[in-house]
Amino acid sequence: MSDINIPVEFTSDEKGYYDRQCPNEKCEYIFKIHMEDWKEKVSDEQVFCPMCGHVNDNIKLDHFRPF
């Protein structure tokens, strides 16, 4: 079985914010982060939820889903 890559484009709102949701089923906190901050300040190796502190040690877009 081979991997299939499908490009997906995520866009920000009119103020430049990006809606994200914690993947932790006990939290699922919805938060906004400015698109530039998401690109420049958030590590691809480790992303955390600002509410519950849930940490994912994988690529940020796969685990902190858009809302």
N, C-alpha and C. Protein backbone atom coordinates (compact mmCIF):
# COMPACT_ATOMS: atom_id res chain seq x y z
N MET A 1 0.85 -1.18 0.00
CA MET A 1 0.00 0.00 0.00
C MET A 1 0.89 1.24 0.00
N SER A 2 0.60 2.18 -0.85
CA SER A 2 1.42 3.39 -0.93
C SER A 2 0.67 4.57 -0.31
N ASP A 3 1.45 5.55 0.13
CA ASP A 3 0.87 6.76 0.71
C ASP A 3 0.36 7.67 -0.40
N ILE A 4 -0.71 8.35 -0.11
CA ILE A 4 -1.26 9.33 -1.04
C ILE A 4 -1.19 10.68 -0.37
N ASN A 5 -0.62 11.66 -1.04
CA ASN A 5 -0.55 13.02 -0.53
C ASN A 5 -1.56 13.89 -1.26
N ILE A 6 -2.39 14.55 -0.50
CA ILE A 6 -3.38 15.44 -1.09
C ILE A 6 -3.14 16.83 -0.54
N PRO A 7 -2.79 17.79 -1.39
CA PRO A 7 -2.53 19.14 -0.89
C PRO A 7 -3.83 19.79 -0.41
N VAL A 8 -3.74 20.43 0.75
CA VAL A 8 -4.89 21.11 1.33
C VAL A 8 -4.44 22.51 1.72
N GLU A 9 -5.19 23.50 1.35
CA GLU A 9 -4.85 24.87 1.68
C GLU A 9 -5.74 25.35 2.82
N PHE A 10 -5.11 25.91 3.85
CA PHE A 10 -5.84 26.48 4.97
C PHE A 10 -5.71 27.99 4.89
N THR A 11 -6.79 28.66 5.07
CA THR A 11 -6.75 30.11 5.01
C THR A 11 -7.15 30.72 6.34
N SER A 12 -6.70 31.93 6.55
CA SER A 12 -7.03 32.65 7.77
C SER A 12 -8.32 33.44 7.57
N ASP A 13 -8.85 33.94 8.70
CA ASP A 13 -10.03 34.79 8.60
C ASP A 13 -9.63 36.19 8.14
N GLU A 14 -10.57 37.10 8.09
CA GLU A 14 -10.32 38.45 7.58
C GLU A 14 -9.32 39.24 8.43
N LYS A 15 -9.10 38.81 9.67
CA LYS A 15 -8.14 39.50 10.55
C LYS A 15 -6.80 38.76 10.62
N GLY A 16 -6.66 37.69 9.85
CA GLY A 16 -5.40 36.95 9.81
C GLY A 16 -5.29 35.85 10.84
N TYR A 17 -6.42 35.48 11.47
CA TYR A 17 -6.40 34.43 12.49
C TYR A 17 -6.83 33.09 11.92
N TYR A 18 -6.31 32.06 12.53
CA TYR A 18 -6.47 30.69 12.11
C TYR A 18 -7.18 29.94 13.24
N ASP A 19 -8.32 29.34 12.99
CA ASP A 19 -9.07 28.60 14.01
C ASP A 19 -8.49 27.20 14.14
N ARG A 20 -8.21 26.79 15.40
CA ARG A 20 -7.68 25.46 15.67
C ARG A 20 -8.48 24.83 16.80
N GLN A 21 -8.42 23.51 16.91
CA GLN A 21 -9.13 22.80 17.97
C GLN A 21 -8.23 21.72 18.55
N CYS A 22 -8.20 21.65 19.87
CA CYS A 22 -7.41 20.63 20.56
C CYS A 22 -7.95 19.25 20.21
N PRO A 23 -7.07 18.29 19.90
CA PRO A 23 -7.53 16.94 19.57
C PRO A 23 -7.85 16.07 20.79
N ASN A 24 -7.54 16.57 21.99
CA ASN A 24 -7.82 15.82 23.22
C ASN A 24 -9.33 15.75 23.41
N GLU A 25 -9.89 14.55 23.42
CA GLU A 25 -11.35 14.38 23.52
C GLU A 25 -11.93 14.95 24.81
N LYS A 26 -11.13 15.06 25.86
CA LYS A 26 -11.61 15.62 27.11
C LYS A 26 -11.58 17.15 27.10
N CYS A 27 -10.96 17.74 26.11
CA CYS A 27 -10.83 19.19 26.05
C CYS A 27 -11.55 19.77 24.82
N GLU A 28 -11.01 19.49 23.63
CA GLU A 28 -11.53 19.99 22.35
C GLU A 28 -11.69 21.51 22.33
N TYR A 29 -10.83 22.20 23.08
CA TYR A 29 -10.84 23.67 23.15
C TYR A 29 -10.63 24.27 21.77
N ILE A 30 -11.41 25.26 21.43
CA ILE A 30 -11.28 25.96 20.16
C ILE A 30 -10.56 27.27 20.43
N PHE A 31 -9.49 27.51 19.68
CA PHE A 31 -8.72 28.73 19.87
C PHE A 31 -8.30 29.31 18.53
N LYS A 32 -7.88 30.56 18.57
CA LYS A 32 -7.42 31.25 17.37
C LYS A 32 -5.95 31.58 17.55
N ILE A 33 -5.21 31.51 16.47
CA ILE A 33 -3.83 31.93 16.47
C ILE A 33 -3.60 32.69 15.17
N HIS A 34 -2.83 33.76 15.26
CA HIS A 34 -2.56 34.55 14.06
C HIS A 34 -1.76 33.69 13.09
N MET A 35 -2.10 33.73 11.83
CA MET A 35 -1.48 32.88 10.82
C MET A 35 0.04 33.02 10.81
N GLU A 36 0.55 34.23 10.91
CA GLU A 36 2.01 34.43 10.91
C GLU A 36 2.65 33.79 12.14
N ASP A 37 1.99 33.89 13.30
CA ASP A 37 2.51 33.24 14.50
C ASP A 37 2.52 31.73 14.34
N TRP A 38 1.47 31.19 13.75
CA TRP A 38 1.38 29.74 13.53
C TRP A 38 2.54 29.27 12.65
N LYS A 39 2.84 30.03 11.61
CA LYS A 39 3.90 29.65 10.68
C LYS A 39 5.29 29.85 11.29
N GLU A 40 5.49 30.96 12.02
CA GLU A 40 6.83 31.34 12.46
C GLU A 40 7.18 30.92 13.89
N LYS A 41 6.20 30.82 14.78
CA LYS A 41 6.50 30.60 16.19
C LYS A 41 6.13 29.21 16.71
N VAL A 42 5.21 28.53 16.05
CA VAL A 42 4.77 27.22 16.52
C VAL A 42 5.67 26.16 15.91
N SER A 43 6.25 25.34 16.76
CA SER A 43 7.17 24.29 16.32
C SER A 43 6.42 23.17 15.62
N ASP A 44 6.99 22.65 14.55
CA ASP A 44 6.41 21.49 13.87
C ASP A 44 6.57 20.23 14.72
N GLU A 45 7.56 20.22 15.60
CA GLU A 45 7.86 19.03 16.39
C GLU A 45 6.96 18.89 17.62
N GLN A 46 6.48 20.02 18.16
CA GLN A 46 5.69 19.92 19.38
C GLN A 46 4.68 21.07 19.45
N VAL A 47 3.42 20.72 19.53
CA VAL A 47 2.34 21.69 19.62
C VAL A 47 1.56 21.41 20.88
N PHE A 48 1.14 22.46 21.60
CA PHE A 48 0.36 22.24 22.81
C PHE A 48 -0.91 23.06 22.79
N CYS A 49 -1.91 22.58 23.52
CA CYS A 49 -3.18 23.28 23.65
C CYS A 49 -3.03 24.36 24.72
N PRO A 50 -3.46 25.59 24.44
CA PRO A 50 -3.34 26.66 25.43
C PRO A 50 -4.30 26.49 26.62
N MET A 51 -5.29 25.62 26.51
CA MET A 51 -6.25 25.43 27.60
C MET A 51 -5.84 24.28 28.53
N CYS A 52 -5.66 23.08 27.97
CA CYS A 52 -5.40 21.91 28.80
C CYS A 52 -3.94 21.50 28.83
N GLY A 53 -3.12 22.05 27.93
CA GLY A 53 -1.71 21.71 27.89
C GLY A 53 -1.39 20.43 27.14
N HIS A 54 -2.40 19.82 26.51
CA HIS A 54 -2.19 18.60 25.72
C HIS A 54 -1.07 18.86 24.72
N VAL A 55 -0.12 17.92 24.63
CA VAL A 55 1.02 18.08 23.73
C VAL A 55 1.01 16.97 22.70
N ASN A 56 1.27 17.34 21.47
CA ASN A 56 1.47 16.38 20.40
C ASN A 56 2.88 16.54 19.90
N ASP A 57 3.57 15.43 19.75
CA ASP A 57 4.95 15.45 19.30
C ASP A 57 5.05 15.11 17.82
N ASN A 58 4.11 15.56 17.04
CA ASN A 58 4.12 15.31 15.61
C ASN A 58 3.84 16.60 14.86
N ILE A 59 3.69 16.48 13.57
CA ILE A 59 3.46 17.65 12.74
C ILE A 59 2.17 18.34 13.15
N LYS A 60 2.23 19.64 13.34
CA LYS A 60 1.14 20.42 13.91
C LYS A 60 -0.17 20.35 13.12
N LEU A 61 -0.13 20.34 11.82
CA LEU A 61 -1.38 20.38 11.06
C LEU A 61 -2.16 19.08 11.14
N ASP A 62 -1.48 17.98 11.41
CA ASP A 62 -2.16 16.70 11.49
C ASP A 62 -2.93 16.52 12.78
N HIS A 63 -2.54 17.22 13.84
CA HIS A 63 -3.11 16.91 15.14
C HIS A 63 -3.88 18.06 15.78
N PHE A 64 -3.58 19.27 15.47
CA PHE A 64 -4.39 20.38 15.96
C PHE A 64 -5.23 20.82 14.78
N ARG A 65 -6.39 20.24 14.71
CA ARG A 65 -7.22 20.36 13.53
C ARG A 65 -7.86 21.75 13.40
N PRO A 66 -8.09 22.16 12.17
CA PRO A 66 -8.81 23.42 11.96
C PRO A 66 -10.24 23.26 12.38
N PHE A 67 -10.84 24.33 12.79
CA PHE A 67 -12.21 24.29 13.23
C PHE A 67 -13.09 25.03 12.27
